[in-house]
Amino acid sequence: MKTQPLAAHPTALIAIGAVGGLAWAAGFRAYMVELAGPASTFGWWGTFGAVLVPGAVVGGLLAWAEALRHDGGRQHWRWLALAPLVFAIAPMLMPGAVTALLTEGLGGGAIAVALIAIGGGFGLSRRGPLWARLLCGLASAALAAGVVLAGPGIAGARLALTEPRGAWVALLAATFLVVLALASSIPHRPTQDPAHSEAAIDAKSRR
């Protein structure tokens, strides 16, 4: 039976990416709960509009980039590398969010996550000058370290890295950021010739 290449099923791939992005955002929301502790609250906009929906959108956009990559690419398709900016923009749409960011720094974490994803994605790619990839990779790693170490800084002894719970929270944040950076590297990867892919599939099916 002949297997269709990924490029033949872009809608299905985008749907899978959206579900994966939603799962990522839901898990990262659990990390945010650990940071806030008992003070953590849930709201329709704050949880769904600013975290979960952006996660689904980013996942869908990166999956679309993967579909385009397997189809030989399109004009300007690499701009999808900026998809993680949705994480930074969505929270700023809340009333008073910009003022809170400028006066209290609230929302800075979402901006950091977006920058980690974009810079880390480029740093992990094999495209572009080595010095630029190293610079972006190091900057993203420094930001990621700040996010990972935010637990003890915000919650104190409750999330100390020497305690099982604190170590788990730090590991949760670190692995989530690595996964996001890996996914964000998709728009930087080399394109594939769909004709070549179909020929390879046909050759395997005849074996």
N, C-alpha and C. Protein backbone atom coordinates (compact mmCIF):
# COMPACT_ATOMS: atom_id res chain seq x y z
N MET A 1 0.85 -1.19 0.00
CA MET A 1 0.00 0.00 0.00
C MET A 1 0.88 1.24 0.00
N LYS A 2 0.57 2.18 -0.87
CA LYS A 2 1.37 3.39 -1.00
C LYS A 2 1.09 4.36 0.13
N THR A 3 2.15 4.86 0.73
CA THR A 3 2.03 5.83 1.83
C THR A 3 2.18 7.24 1.28
N GLN A 4 1.27 8.12 1.66
CA GLN A 4 1.31 9.50 1.19
C GLN A 4 2.33 10.31 1.98
N PRO A 5 3.08 11.21 1.33
CA PRO A 5 4.03 12.05 2.05
C PRO A 5 3.32 13.05 2.95
N LEU A 6 4.09 13.61 3.89
CA LEU A 6 3.51 14.58 4.83
C LEU A 6 2.88 15.75 4.11
N ALA A 7 3.48 16.18 3.00
CA ALA A 7 2.97 17.34 2.28
C ALA A 7 1.56 17.13 1.76
N ALA A 8 1.15 15.84 1.61
CA ALA A 8 -0.18 15.55 1.09
C ALA A 8 -1.24 15.69 2.17
N HIS A 9 -0.85 15.82 3.41
CA HIS A 9 -1.81 15.90 4.51
C HIS A 9 -1.52 17.10 5.41
N PRO A 10 -1.44 18.31 4.88
CA PRO A 10 -1.09 19.47 5.71
C PRO A 10 -2.13 19.75 6.79
N THR A 11 -3.41 19.56 6.47
CA THR A 11 -4.46 19.85 7.46
C THR A 11 -4.34 18.92 8.66
N ALA A 12 -4.10 17.64 8.39
CA ALA A 12 -3.95 16.68 9.48
C ALA A 12 -2.72 17.01 10.32
N LEU A 13 -1.63 17.39 9.66
CA LEU A 13 -0.40 17.72 10.38
C LEU A 13 -0.59 18.96 11.24
N ILE A 14 -1.29 19.95 10.72
CA ILE A 14 -1.56 21.17 11.49
C ILE A 14 -2.44 20.85 12.70
N ALA A 15 -3.42 19.97 12.52
CA ALA A 15 -4.29 19.58 13.64
C ALA A 15 -3.48 18.87 14.72
N ILE A 16 -2.58 17.99 14.30
CA ILE A 16 -1.73 17.29 15.27
C ILE A 16 -0.84 18.30 16.01
N GLY A 17 -0.28 19.25 15.26
CA GLY A 17 0.55 20.27 15.88
C GLY A 17 -0.23 21.12 16.88
N ALA A 18 -1.47 21.46 16.53
CA ALA A 18 -2.31 22.27 17.43
C ALA A 18 -2.60 21.52 18.72
N VAL A 19 -2.88 20.22 18.61
CA VAL A 19 -3.14 19.42 19.81
C VAL A 19 -1.88 19.32 20.66
N GLY A 20 -0.74 19.11 19.99
CA GLY A 20 0.52 19.06 20.72
C GLY A 20 0.83 20.38 21.40
N GLY A 21 0.57 21.50 20.72
CA GLY A 21 0.80 22.80 21.32
C GLY A 21 -0.12 23.06 22.50
N LEU A 22 -1.36 22.59 22.38
CA LEU A 22 -2.31 22.73 23.49
C LEU A 22 -1.86 21.92 24.70
N ALA A 23 -1.37 20.70 24.46
CA ALA A 23 -0.87 19.87 25.55
C ALA A 23 0.35 20.52 26.20
N TRP A 24 1.22 21.10 25.36
CA TRP A 24 2.40 21.78 25.90
C TRP A 24 1.98 22.95 26.80
N ALA A 25 1.04 23.76 26.32
CA ALA A 25 0.61 24.93 27.08
C ALA A 25 -0.09 24.53 28.38
N ALA A 26 -0.88 23.46 28.33
CA ALA A 26 -1.57 22.99 29.54
C ALA A 26 -0.55 22.52 30.57
N GLY A 27 0.49 21.84 30.11
CA GLY A 27 1.54 21.40 31.03
C GLY A 27 2.33 22.57 31.59
N PHE A 28 2.62 23.55 30.75
CA PHE A 28 3.37 24.72 31.22
C PHE A 28 2.54 25.54 32.19
N ARG A 29 1.23 25.50 32.03
CA ARG A 29 0.35 26.19 32.98
C ARG A 29 0.48 25.57 34.36
N ALA A 30 0.73 24.26 34.41
CA ALA A 30 0.94 23.60 35.70
C ALA A 30 2.23 24.11 36.35
N TYR A 31 3.23 24.38 35.53
CA TYR A 31 4.47 24.97 36.06
C TYR A 31 4.19 26.35 36.65
N MET A 32 3.35 27.13 35.98
CA MET A 32 3.01 28.45 36.48
C MET A 32 2.25 28.37 37.81
N VAL A 33 1.41 27.34 37.95
CA VAL A 33 0.69 27.12 39.20
C VAL A 33 1.66 26.86 40.34
N GLU A 34 2.69 26.05 40.05
CA GLU A 34 3.68 25.75 41.09
C GLU A 34 4.42 27.00 41.53
N LEU A 35 4.70 27.89 40.59
CA LEU A 35 5.39 29.13 40.95
C LEU A 35 4.52 30.01 41.86
N ALA A 36 3.25 30.13 41.49
CA ALA A 36 2.35 31.02 42.25
C ALA A 36 1.90 30.41 43.56
N GLY A 37 1.84 29.09 43.62
CA GLY A 37 1.40 28.44 44.84
C GLY A 37 -0.08 28.67 45.11
N PRO A 38 -0.47 28.82 46.38
CA PRO A 38 -1.89 29.01 46.73
C PRO A 38 -2.50 30.27 46.12
N ALA A 39 -1.67 31.22 45.71
CA ALA A 39 -2.18 32.46 45.13
C ALA A 39 -2.60 32.30 43.68
N SER A 40 -2.34 31.14 43.09
CA SER A 40 -2.66 30.92 41.68
C SER A 40 -4.17 30.93 41.47
N THR A 41 -4.62 31.61 40.42
CA THR A 41 -6.04 31.69 40.08
C THR A 41 -6.22 31.32 38.61
N PHE A 42 -7.43 30.89 38.27
CA PHE A 42 -7.76 30.53 36.90
C PHE A 42 -8.89 31.41 36.40
N GLY A 43 -8.77 31.87 35.17
CA GLY A 43 -9.82 32.66 34.53
C GLY A 43 -9.92 32.26 33.08
N TRP A 44 -11.06 32.55 32.47
CA TRP A 44 -11.25 32.15 31.07
C TRP A 44 -10.24 32.82 30.16
N TRP A 45 -10.02 34.11 30.35
CA TRP A 45 -9.07 34.77 29.47
C TRP A 45 -7.63 34.48 29.91
N GLY A 46 -7.36 34.62 31.19
CA GLY A 46 -6.00 34.43 31.67
C GLY A 46 -5.44 33.04 31.40
N THR A 47 -6.30 32.02 31.51
CA THR A 47 -5.84 30.64 31.30
C THR A 47 -5.98 30.20 29.86
N PHE A 48 -7.18 30.39 29.30
CA PHE A 48 -7.42 29.91 27.94
C PHE A 48 -6.93 30.90 26.88
N GLY A 49 -7.31 32.18 27.03
CA GLY A 49 -6.96 33.16 26.01
C GLY A 49 -5.49 33.52 25.98
N ALA A 50 -4.83 33.51 27.14
CA ALA A 50 -3.44 33.95 27.21
C ALA A 50 -2.43 32.81 27.24
N VAL A 51 -2.89 31.57 27.48
CA VAL A 51 -1.94 30.45 27.59
C VAL A 51 -2.31 29.30 26.66
N LEU A 52 -3.51 28.73 26.84
CA LEU A 52 -3.86 27.50 26.11
C LEU A 52 -4.08 27.73 24.62
N VAL A 53 -4.89 28.73 24.27
CA VAL A 53 -5.13 29.01 22.85
C VAL A 53 -3.84 29.40 22.13
N PRO A 54 -3.01 30.29 22.71
CA PRO A 54 -1.73 30.57 22.06
C PRO A 54 -0.87 29.33 21.85
N GLY A 55 -0.91 28.41 22.81
CA GLY A 55 -0.16 27.17 22.64
C GLY A 55 -0.63 26.38 21.44
N ALA A 56 -1.96 26.29 21.27
CA ALA A 56 -2.51 25.58 20.11
C ALA A 56 -2.15 26.29 18.81
N VAL A 57 -2.19 27.63 18.82
CA VAL A 57 -1.87 28.40 17.62
C VAL A 57 -0.40 28.21 17.24
N VAL A 58 0.49 28.30 18.22
CA VAL A 58 1.92 28.13 17.94
C VAL A 58 2.20 26.72 17.43
N GLY A 59 1.58 25.71 18.07
CA GLY A 59 1.77 24.34 17.61
C GLY A 59 1.28 24.14 16.19
N GLY A 60 0.13 24.73 15.86
CA GLY A 60 -0.40 24.62 14.52
C GLY A 60 0.47 25.31 13.48
N LEU A 61 1.00 26.49 13.83
CA LEU A 61 1.86 27.23 12.90
C LEU A 61 3.17 26.49 12.63
N LEU A 62 3.76 25.92 13.69
CA LEU A 62 5.01 25.19 13.50
C LEU A 62 4.77 23.89 12.72
N ALA A 63 3.62 23.27 12.92
CA ALA A 63 3.28 22.09 12.13
C ALA A 63 3.06 22.47 10.67
N TRP A 64 2.47 23.62 10.44
CA TRP A 64 2.30 24.12 9.07
C TRP A 64 3.67 24.32 8.42
N ALA A 65 4.62 24.85 9.20
CA ALA A 65 5.98 25.02 8.69
C ALA A 65 6.57 23.67 8.30
N GLU A 66 6.30 22.65 9.09
CA GLU A 66 6.80 21.30 8.76
C GLU A 66 6.17 20.79 7.48
N ALA A 67 4.89 21.03 7.30
CA ALA A 67 4.22 20.61 6.06
C ALA A 67 4.80 21.34 4.86
N LEU A 68 5.03 22.64 4.99
CA LEU A 68 5.62 23.41 3.90
C LEU A 68 7.04 22.96 3.61
N ARG A 69 7.76 22.64 4.65
CA ARG A 69 9.15 22.19 4.48
C ARG A 69 9.20 20.91 3.65
N HIS A 70 8.30 20.00 3.91
CA HIS A 70 8.25 18.73 3.17
C HIS A 70 7.70 18.93 1.76
N ASP A 71 7.13 20.10 1.51
CA ASP A 71 6.57 20.38 0.18
C ASP A 71 7.48 21.31 -0.62
N GLY A 72 8.72 21.45 -0.17
CA GLY A 72 9.66 22.28 -0.89
C GLY A 72 9.69 23.73 -0.45
N GLY A 73 8.85 24.10 0.52
CA GLY A 73 8.83 25.47 1.01
C GLY A 73 7.97 26.38 0.15
N ARG A 74 7.74 27.58 0.65
CA ARG A 74 6.99 28.61 -0.07
C ARG A 74 7.69 29.94 0.15
N GLN A 75 7.32 30.95 -0.60
CA GLN A 75 7.91 32.26 -0.42
C GLN A 75 7.60 32.79 0.98
N HIS A 76 8.63 33.23 1.68
CA HIS A 76 8.52 33.81 3.03
C HIS A 76 8.08 32.80 4.08
N TRP A 77 8.10 31.50 3.80
CA TRP A 77 7.59 30.53 4.78
C TRP A 77 8.44 30.48 6.05
N ARG A 78 9.71 30.90 5.95
CA ARG A 78 10.57 30.83 7.14
C ARG A 78 10.21 31.88 8.19
N TRP A 79 9.35 32.84 7.83
CA TRP A 79 8.86 33.78 8.83
C TRP A 79 8.05 33.08 9.92
N LEU A 80 7.64 31.84 9.66
CA LEU A 80 6.92 31.08 10.68
C LEU A 80 7.81 30.78 11.89
N ALA A 81 9.10 31.05 11.76
CA ALA A 81 9.99 30.91 12.91
C ALA A 81 9.62 31.87 14.03
N LEU A 82 8.87 32.92 13.68
CA LEU A 82 8.43 33.90 14.69
C LEU A 82 7.11 33.52 15.35
N ALA A 83 6.61 32.33 15.04
CA ALA A 83 5.33 31.89 15.61
C ALA A 83 5.27 31.97 17.13
N PRO A 84 6.35 31.65 17.87
CA PRO A 84 6.29 31.74 19.34
C PRO A 84 6.00 33.13 19.88
N LEU A 85 6.09 34.17 19.04
CA LEU A 85 5.74 35.51 19.52
C LEU A 85 4.29 35.59 19.98
N VAL A 86 3.47 34.65 19.52
CA VAL A 86 2.07 34.60 19.97
C VAL A 86 2.01 34.49 21.49
N PHE A 87 2.97 33.76 22.08
CA PHE A 87 3.00 33.62 23.54
C PHE A 87 3.20 34.97 24.23
N ALA A 88 3.95 35.86 23.59
CA ALA A 88 4.22 37.17 24.18
C ALA A 88 3.10 38.17 23.90
N ILE A 89 2.48 38.06 22.73
CA ILE A 89 1.47 39.03 22.31
C ILE A 89 0.13 38.80 23.01
N ALA A 90 -0.29 37.54 23.10
CA ALA A 90 -1.62 37.23 23.65
C ALA A 90 -1.84 37.80 25.05
N PRO A 91 -0.91 37.63 26.01
CA PRO A 91 -1.15 38.19 27.35
C PRO A 91 -1.25 39.71 27.35
N MET A 92 -0.60 40.36 26.38
CA MET A 92 -0.62 41.82 26.33
C MET A 92 -1.96 42.37 25.87
N LEU A 93 -2.85 41.49 25.38
CA LEU A 93 -4.18 41.92 24.95
C LEU A 93 -5.15 42.06 26.13
N MET A 94 -4.74 41.58 27.29
CA MET A 94 -5.59 41.71 28.47
C MET A 94 -5.62 43.17 28.93
N PRO A 95 -6.75 43.65 29.44
CA PRO A 95 -6.84 45.04 29.91
C PRO A 95 -5.79 45.34 30.99
N GLY A 96 -5.05 46.40 30.80
CA GLY A 96 -4.04 46.80 31.78
C GLY A 96 -2.76 46.01 31.74
N ALA A 97 -2.63 45.08 30.77
CA ALA A 97 -1.46 44.21 30.74
C ALA A 97 -0.19 44.98 30.43
N VAL A 98 -0.27 45.91 29.49
CA VAL A 98 0.92 46.68 29.12
C VAL A 98 1.40 47.53 30.29
N THR A 99 0.47 48.16 30.99
CA THR A 99 0.83 48.96 32.16
C THR A 99 1.46 48.10 33.24
N ALA A 100 0.89 46.91 33.47
CA ALA A 100 1.44 46.00 34.48
C ALA A 100 2.84 45.54 34.10
N LEU A 101 3.07 45.35 32.80
CA LEU A 101 4.40 44.94 32.36
C LEU A 101 5.42 46.04 32.61
N LEU A 102 5.05 47.28 32.28
CA LEU A 102 5.99 48.39 32.41
C LEU A 102 6.23 48.79 33.85
N THR A 103 5.24 48.63 34.70
CA THR A 103 5.37 49.09 36.09
C THR A 103 5.76 47.99 37.07
N GLU A 104 5.29 46.76 36.81
CA GLU A 104 5.53 45.68 37.75
C GLU A 104 6.28 44.50 37.14
N GLY A 105 6.46 44.52 35.83
CA GLY A 105 7.16 43.42 35.18
C GLY A 105 6.31 42.20 34.93
N LEU A 106 5.00 42.30 35.21
CA LEU A 106 4.11 41.17 35.00
C LEU A 106 3.95 40.89 33.51
N GLY A 107 4.11 39.66 33.12
CA GLY A 107 4.05 39.31 31.70
C GLY A 107 5.41 39.15 31.08
N GLY A 108 6.45 39.50 31.84
CA GLY A 108 7.81 39.36 31.32
C GLY A 108 8.18 37.91 31.07
N GLY A 109 7.59 37.01 31.84
CA GLY A 109 7.87 35.59 31.66
C GLY A 109 7.41 35.09 30.30
N ALA A 110 6.25 35.56 29.85
CA ALA A 110 5.73 35.15 28.54
C ALA A 110 6.64 35.64 27.43
N ILE A 111 7.16 36.85 27.57
CA ILE A 111 8.10 37.39 26.57
C ILE A 111 9.37 36.57 26.57
N ALA A 112 9.85 36.19 27.77
CA ALA A 112 11.06 35.38 27.87
C ALA A 112 10.88 34.04 27.18
N VAL A 113 9.72 33.40 27.38
CA VAL A 113 9.46 32.11 26.74
C VAL A 113 9.50 32.23 25.23
N ALA A 114 8.89 33.30 24.70
CA ALA A 114 8.89 33.51 23.25
C ALA A 114 10.31 33.71 22.72
N LEU A 115 11.11 34.49 23.42
CA LEU A 115 12.49 34.74 22.98
C LEU A 115 13.34 33.48 23.08
N ILE A 116 13.12 32.69 24.12
CA ILE A 116 13.85 31.42 24.27
C ILE A 116 13.53 30.50 23.10
N ALA A 117 12.26 30.45 22.74
CA ALA A 117 11.84 29.58 21.65
C ALA A 117 12.45 30.02 20.32
N ILE A 118 12.37 31.30 20.03
CA ILE A 118 12.87 31.82 18.75
C ILE A 118 14.40 31.70 18.67
N GLY A 119 15.07 32.20 19.70
CA GLY A 119 16.53 32.14 19.71
C GLY A 119 17.05 30.71 19.80
N GLY A 120 16.40 29.91 20.64
CA GLY A 120 16.83 28.52 20.78
C GLY A 120 16.59 27.73 19.51
N GLY A 121 15.47 28.00 18.84
CA GLY A 121 15.19 27.31 17.58
C GLY A 121 16.24 27.60 16.53
N PHE A 122 16.64 28.87 16.45
CA PHE A 122 17.69 29.24 15.49
C PHE A 122 19.04 28.66 15.90
N GLY A 123 19.30 28.68 17.20
CA GLY A 123 20.57 28.15 17.68
C GLY A 123 20.72 26.66 17.45
N LEU A 124 19.62 25.93 17.53
CA LEU A 124 19.66 24.48 17.33
C LEU A 124 19.64 24.09 15.86
N SER A 125 19.35 25.04 15.00
CA SER A 125 19.29 24.74 13.57
C SER A 125 20.70 24.68 12.98
N ARG A 126 20.78 24.21 11.77
CA ARG A 126 22.06 24.18 11.06
C ARG A 126 22.07 25.20 9.93
N ARG A 127 21.25 26.21 10.08
CA ARG A 127 21.11 27.22 9.04
C ARG A 127 21.59 28.57 9.58
N GLY A 128 22.36 29.26 8.77
CA GLY A 128 22.84 30.57 9.19
C GLY A 128 24.27 30.51 9.69
N PRO A 129 24.90 31.66 9.88
CA PRO A 129 26.29 31.71 10.36
C PRO A 129 26.44 31.06 11.73
N LEU A 130 27.55 30.37 11.92
CA LEU A 130 27.78 29.68 13.19
C LEU A 130 27.82 30.67 14.35
N TRP A 131 28.45 31.83 14.15
CA TRP A 131 28.56 32.80 15.24
C TRP A 131 27.19 33.30 15.67
N ALA A 132 26.27 33.48 14.70
CA ALA A 132 24.93 33.95 15.02
C ALA A 132 24.15 32.88 15.78
N ARG A 133 24.32 31.62 15.36
CA ARG A 133 23.62 30.54 16.05
C ARG A 133 24.14 30.37 17.47
N LEU A 134 25.45 30.50 17.63
CA LEU A 134 26.03 30.40 18.98
C LEU A 134 25.54 31.54 19.86
N LEU A 135 25.50 32.76 19.32
CA LEU A 135 25.06 33.91 20.09
C LEU A 135 23.61 33.74 20.53
N CYS A 136 22.75 33.35 19.59
CA CYS A 136 21.33 33.15 19.92
C CYS A 136 21.16 31.99 20.89
N GLY A 137 21.93 30.94 20.68
CA GLY A 137 21.82 29.79 21.57
C GLY A 137 22.23 30.11 22.99
N LEU A 138 23.32 30.84 23.15
CA LEU A 138 23.79 31.21 24.48
C LEU A 138 22.82 32.17 25.17
N ALA A 139 22.29 33.14 24.40
CA ALA A 139 21.33 34.08 24.98
C ALA A 139 20.06 33.35 25.42
N SER A 140 19.60 32.43 24.60
CA SER A 140 18.40 31.66 24.94
C SER A 140 18.65 30.77 26.14
N ALA A 141 19.84 30.17 26.21
CA ALA A 141 20.18 29.32 27.35
C ALA A 141 20.22 30.12 28.64
N ALA A 142 20.72 31.35 28.56
CA ALA A 142 20.77 32.21 29.75
C ALA A 142 19.35 32.57 30.21
N LEU A 143 18.48 32.90 29.25
CA LEU A 143 17.09 33.19 29.61
C LEU A 143 16.41 31.97 30.19
N ALA A 144 16.67 30.81 29.58
CA ALA A 144 16.06 29.57 30.06
C ALA A 144 16.51 29.26 31.49
N ALA A 145 17.78 29.51 31.76
CA ALA A 145 18.29 29.28 33.12
C ALA A 145 17.57 30.18 34.12
N GLY A 146 17.29 31.42 33.69
CA GLY A 146 16.55 32.33 34.55
C GLY A 146 15.15 31.83 34.85
N VAL A 147 14.49 31.27 33.83
CA VAL A 147 13.15 30.72 34.02
C VAL A 147 13.20 29.51 34.94
N VAL A 148 14.17 28.64 34.72
CA VAL A 148 14.28 27.42 35.52
C VAL A 148 14.56 27.76 36.99
N LEU A 149 15.40 28.78 37.21
CA LEU A 149 15.76 29.16 38.58
C LEU A 149 14.74 30.10 39.21
N ALA A 150 13.67 30.41 38.49
CA ALA A 150 12.66 31.32 39.04
C ALA A 150 11.92 30.70 40.21
N GLY A 151 11.85 29.37 40.24
CA GLY A 151 11.14 28.71 41.33
C GLY A 151 11.65 29.10 42.69
N PRO A 152 12.92 28.85 42.99
CA PRO A 152 13.45 29.25 44.31
C PRO A 152 13.39 30.75 44.52
N GLY A 153 13.55 31.53 43.44
CA GLY A 153 13.54 32.98 43.59
C GLY A 153 12.18 33.53 43.96
N ILE A 154 11.12 32.88 43.43
CA ILE A 154 9.76 33.36 43.69
C ILE A 154 9.14 32.71 44.91
N ALA A 155 9.27 31.38 44.99
CA ALA A 155 8.59 30.64 46.06
C ALA A 155 9.48 30.34 47.26
N GLY A 156 10.77 30.64 47.16
CA GLY A 156 11.66 30.41 48.29
C GLY A 156 11.91 28.93 48.55
N ALA A 157 11.95 28.58 49.83
CA ALA A 157 12.29 27.22 50.24
C ALA A 157 11.31 26.18 49.71
N ARG A 158 10.08 26.59 49.41
CA ARG A 158 9.06 25.63 48.93
C ARG A 158 9.50 24.98 47.64
N LEU A 159 10.23 25.71 46.79
CA LEU A 159 10.69 25.16 45.52
C LEU A 159 12.21 25.17 45.43
N ALA A 160 12.86 25.00 46.56
CA ALA A 160 14.32 24.93 46.57
C ALA A 160 14.79 23.76 45.73
N LEU A 161 15.87 23.94 44.99
CA LEU A 161 16.37 22.89 44.10
C LEU A 161 16.87 21.67 44.87
N THR A 162 17.13 21.85 46.14
CA THR A 162 17.60 20.73 46.96
C THR A 162 16.44 19.88 47.47
N GLU A 163 15.21 20.31 47.22
CA GLU A 163 14.03 19.56 47.63
C GLU A 163 13.43 18.85 46.41
N PRO A 164 12.81 17.68 46.62
CA PRO A 164 12.25 16.93 45.48
C PRO A 164 11.27 17.75 44.64
N ARG A 165 10.40 18.51 45.31
CA ARG A 165 9.41 19.28 44.56
C ARG A 165 10.07 20.38 43.75
N GLY A 166 11.03 21.06 44.34
CA GLY A 166 11.72 22.12 43.63
C GLY A 166 12.51 21.59 42.45
N ALA A 167 13.17 20.43 42.63
CA ALA A 167 13.92 19.83 41.54
C ALA A 167 12.99 19.40 40.41
N TRP A 168 11.81 18.89 40.76
CA TRP A 168 10.83 18.49 39.75
C TRP A 168 10.34 19.70 38.95
N VAL A 169 10.03 20.79 39.64
CA VAL A 169 9.55 22.00 38.96
C VAL A 169 10.62 22.54 38.02
N ALA A 170 11.87 22.55 38.47
CA ALA A 170 12.96 23.03 37.62
C ALA A 170 13.12 22.13 36.39
N LEU A 171 13.02 20.83 36.59
CA LEU A 171 13.13 19.89 35.48
C LEU A 171 11.95 20.05 34.53
N LEU A 172 10.77 20.29 35.08
CA LEU A 172 9.58 20.50 34.25
C LEU A 172 9.78 21.71 33.34
N ALA A 173 10.25 22.81 33.91
CA ALA A 173 10.46 24.02 33.11
C ALA A 173 11.54 23.81 32.07
N ALA A 174 12.65 23.19 32.46
CA ALA A 174 13.77 23.00 31.54
C ALA A 174 13.37 22.14 30.35
N THR A 175 12.71 21.02 30.60
CA THR A 175 12.35 20.13 29.51
C THR A 175 11.29 20.74 28.60
N PHE A 176 10.36 21.48 29.15
CA PHE A 176 9.35 22.14 28.34
C PHE A 176 9.99 23.17 27.41
N LEU A 177 10.96 23.91 27.91
CA LEU A 177 11.63 24.92 27.09
C LEU A 177 12.48 24.28 26.00
N VAL A 178 13.12 23.16 26.31
CA VAL A 178 13.91 22.46 25.30
C VAL A 178 13.01 21.94 24.19
N VAL A 179 11.87 21.35 24.57
CA VAL A 179 10.93 20.84 23.57
C VAL A 179 10.43 21.96 22.67
N LEU A 180 10.12 23.11 23.27
CA LEU A 180 9.64 24.25 22.49
C LEU A 180 10.72 24.75 21.53
N ALA A 181 11.96 24.82 22.00
CA ALA A 181 13.05 25.27 21.14
C ALA A 181 13.27 24.30 19.98
N LEU A 182 13.18 23.01 20.25
CA LEU A 182 13.33 22.01 19.19
C LEU A 182 12.23 22.17 18.14
N ALA A 183 11.00 22.37 18.60
CA ALA A 183 9.90 22.56 17.66
C ALA A 183 10.07 23.85 16.87
N SER A 184 10.60 24.86 17.53
CA SER A 184 10.78 26.17 16.88
C SER A 184 11.91 26.17 15.86
N SER A 185 12.70 25.10 15.84
CA SER A 185 13.78 25.00 14.84
C SER A 185 13.25 24.52 13.50
N ILE A 186 12.01 24.07 13.43
CA ILE A 186 11.45 23.51 12.19
C ILE A 186 11.54 24.49 11.02
N PRO A 187 11.15 25.76 11.18
CA PRO A 187 11.20 26.67 10.02
C PRO A 187 12.61 26.95 9.51
N HIS A 188 13.63 26.58 10.28
CA HIS A 188 15.01 26.81 9.85
C HIS A 188 15.59 25.59 9.13
N ARG A 189 14.92 24.47 9.19
CA ARG A 189 15.48 23.25 8.62
C ARG A 189 15.43 23.26 7.10
N PRO A 190 16.30 22.49 6.45
CA PRO A 190 16.31 22.44 4.98
C PRO A 190 14.99 21.90 4.44
N THR A 191 14.59 22.39 3.29
CA THR A 191 13.37 21.90 2.65
C THR A 191 13.65 20.56 1.99
N GLN A 192 12.57 19.84 1.71
CA GLN A 192 12.67 18.56 1.03
C GLN A 192 11.92 18.63 -0.28
N ASP A 193 12.49 18.00 -1.28
CA ASP A 193 11.85 17.94 -2.59
C ASP A 193 10.72 16.92 -2.53
N PRO A 194 9.45 17.35 -2.70
CA PRO A 194 8.34 16.40 -2.59
C PRO A 194 8.43 15.27 -3.60
N ALA A 195 8.95 15.55 -4.79
CA ALA A 195 9.08 14.50 -5.80
C ALA A 195 10.08 13.44 -5.34
N HIS A 196 11.18 13.90 -4.72
CA HIS A 196 12.18 12.97 -4.21
C HIS A 196 11.59 12.12 -3.08
N SER A 197 10.78 12.77 -2.20
CA SER A 197 10.18 12.05 -1.10
C SER A 197 9.23 10.97 -1.60
N GLU A 198 8.43 11.31 -2.61
CA GLU A 198 7.49 10.35 -3.15
C GLU A 198 8.23 9.19 -3.81
N ALA A 199 9.36 9.47 -4.49
CA ALA A 199 10.14 8.41 -5.11
C ALA A 199 10.72 7.47 -4.07
N ALA A 200 11.18 8.04 -2.95
CA ALA A 200 11.73 7.21 -1.88
C ALA A 200 10.65 6.32 -1.27
N ILE A 201 9.44 6.88 -1.10
CA ILE A 201 8.33 6.11 -0.54
C ILE A 201 7.95 4.97 -1.46
N ASP A 202 7.91 5.28 -2.77
CA ASP A 202 7.57 4.25 -3.74
C ASP A 202 8.61 3.13 -3.73
N ALA A 203 9.88 3.51 -3.61
CA ALA A 203 10.93 2.51 -3.59
C ALA A 203 10.81 1.59 -2.37
N LYS A 204 10.47 2.17 -1.22
CA LYS A 204 10.30 1.36 -0.01
C LYS A 204 9.08 0.45 -0.12
N SER A 205 8.01 0.94 -0.73
CA SER A 205 6.79 0.14 -0.85
C SER A 205 6.96 -1.06 -1.77
N ARG A 206 7.93 -0.99 -2.69
CA ARG A 206 8.14 -2.09 -3.61
C ARG A 206 9.05 -3.17 -3.04
N ARG A 207 9.67 -2.87 -1.89
CA ARG A 207 10.59 -3.85 -1.29
C ARG A 207 9.82 -5.02 -0.66
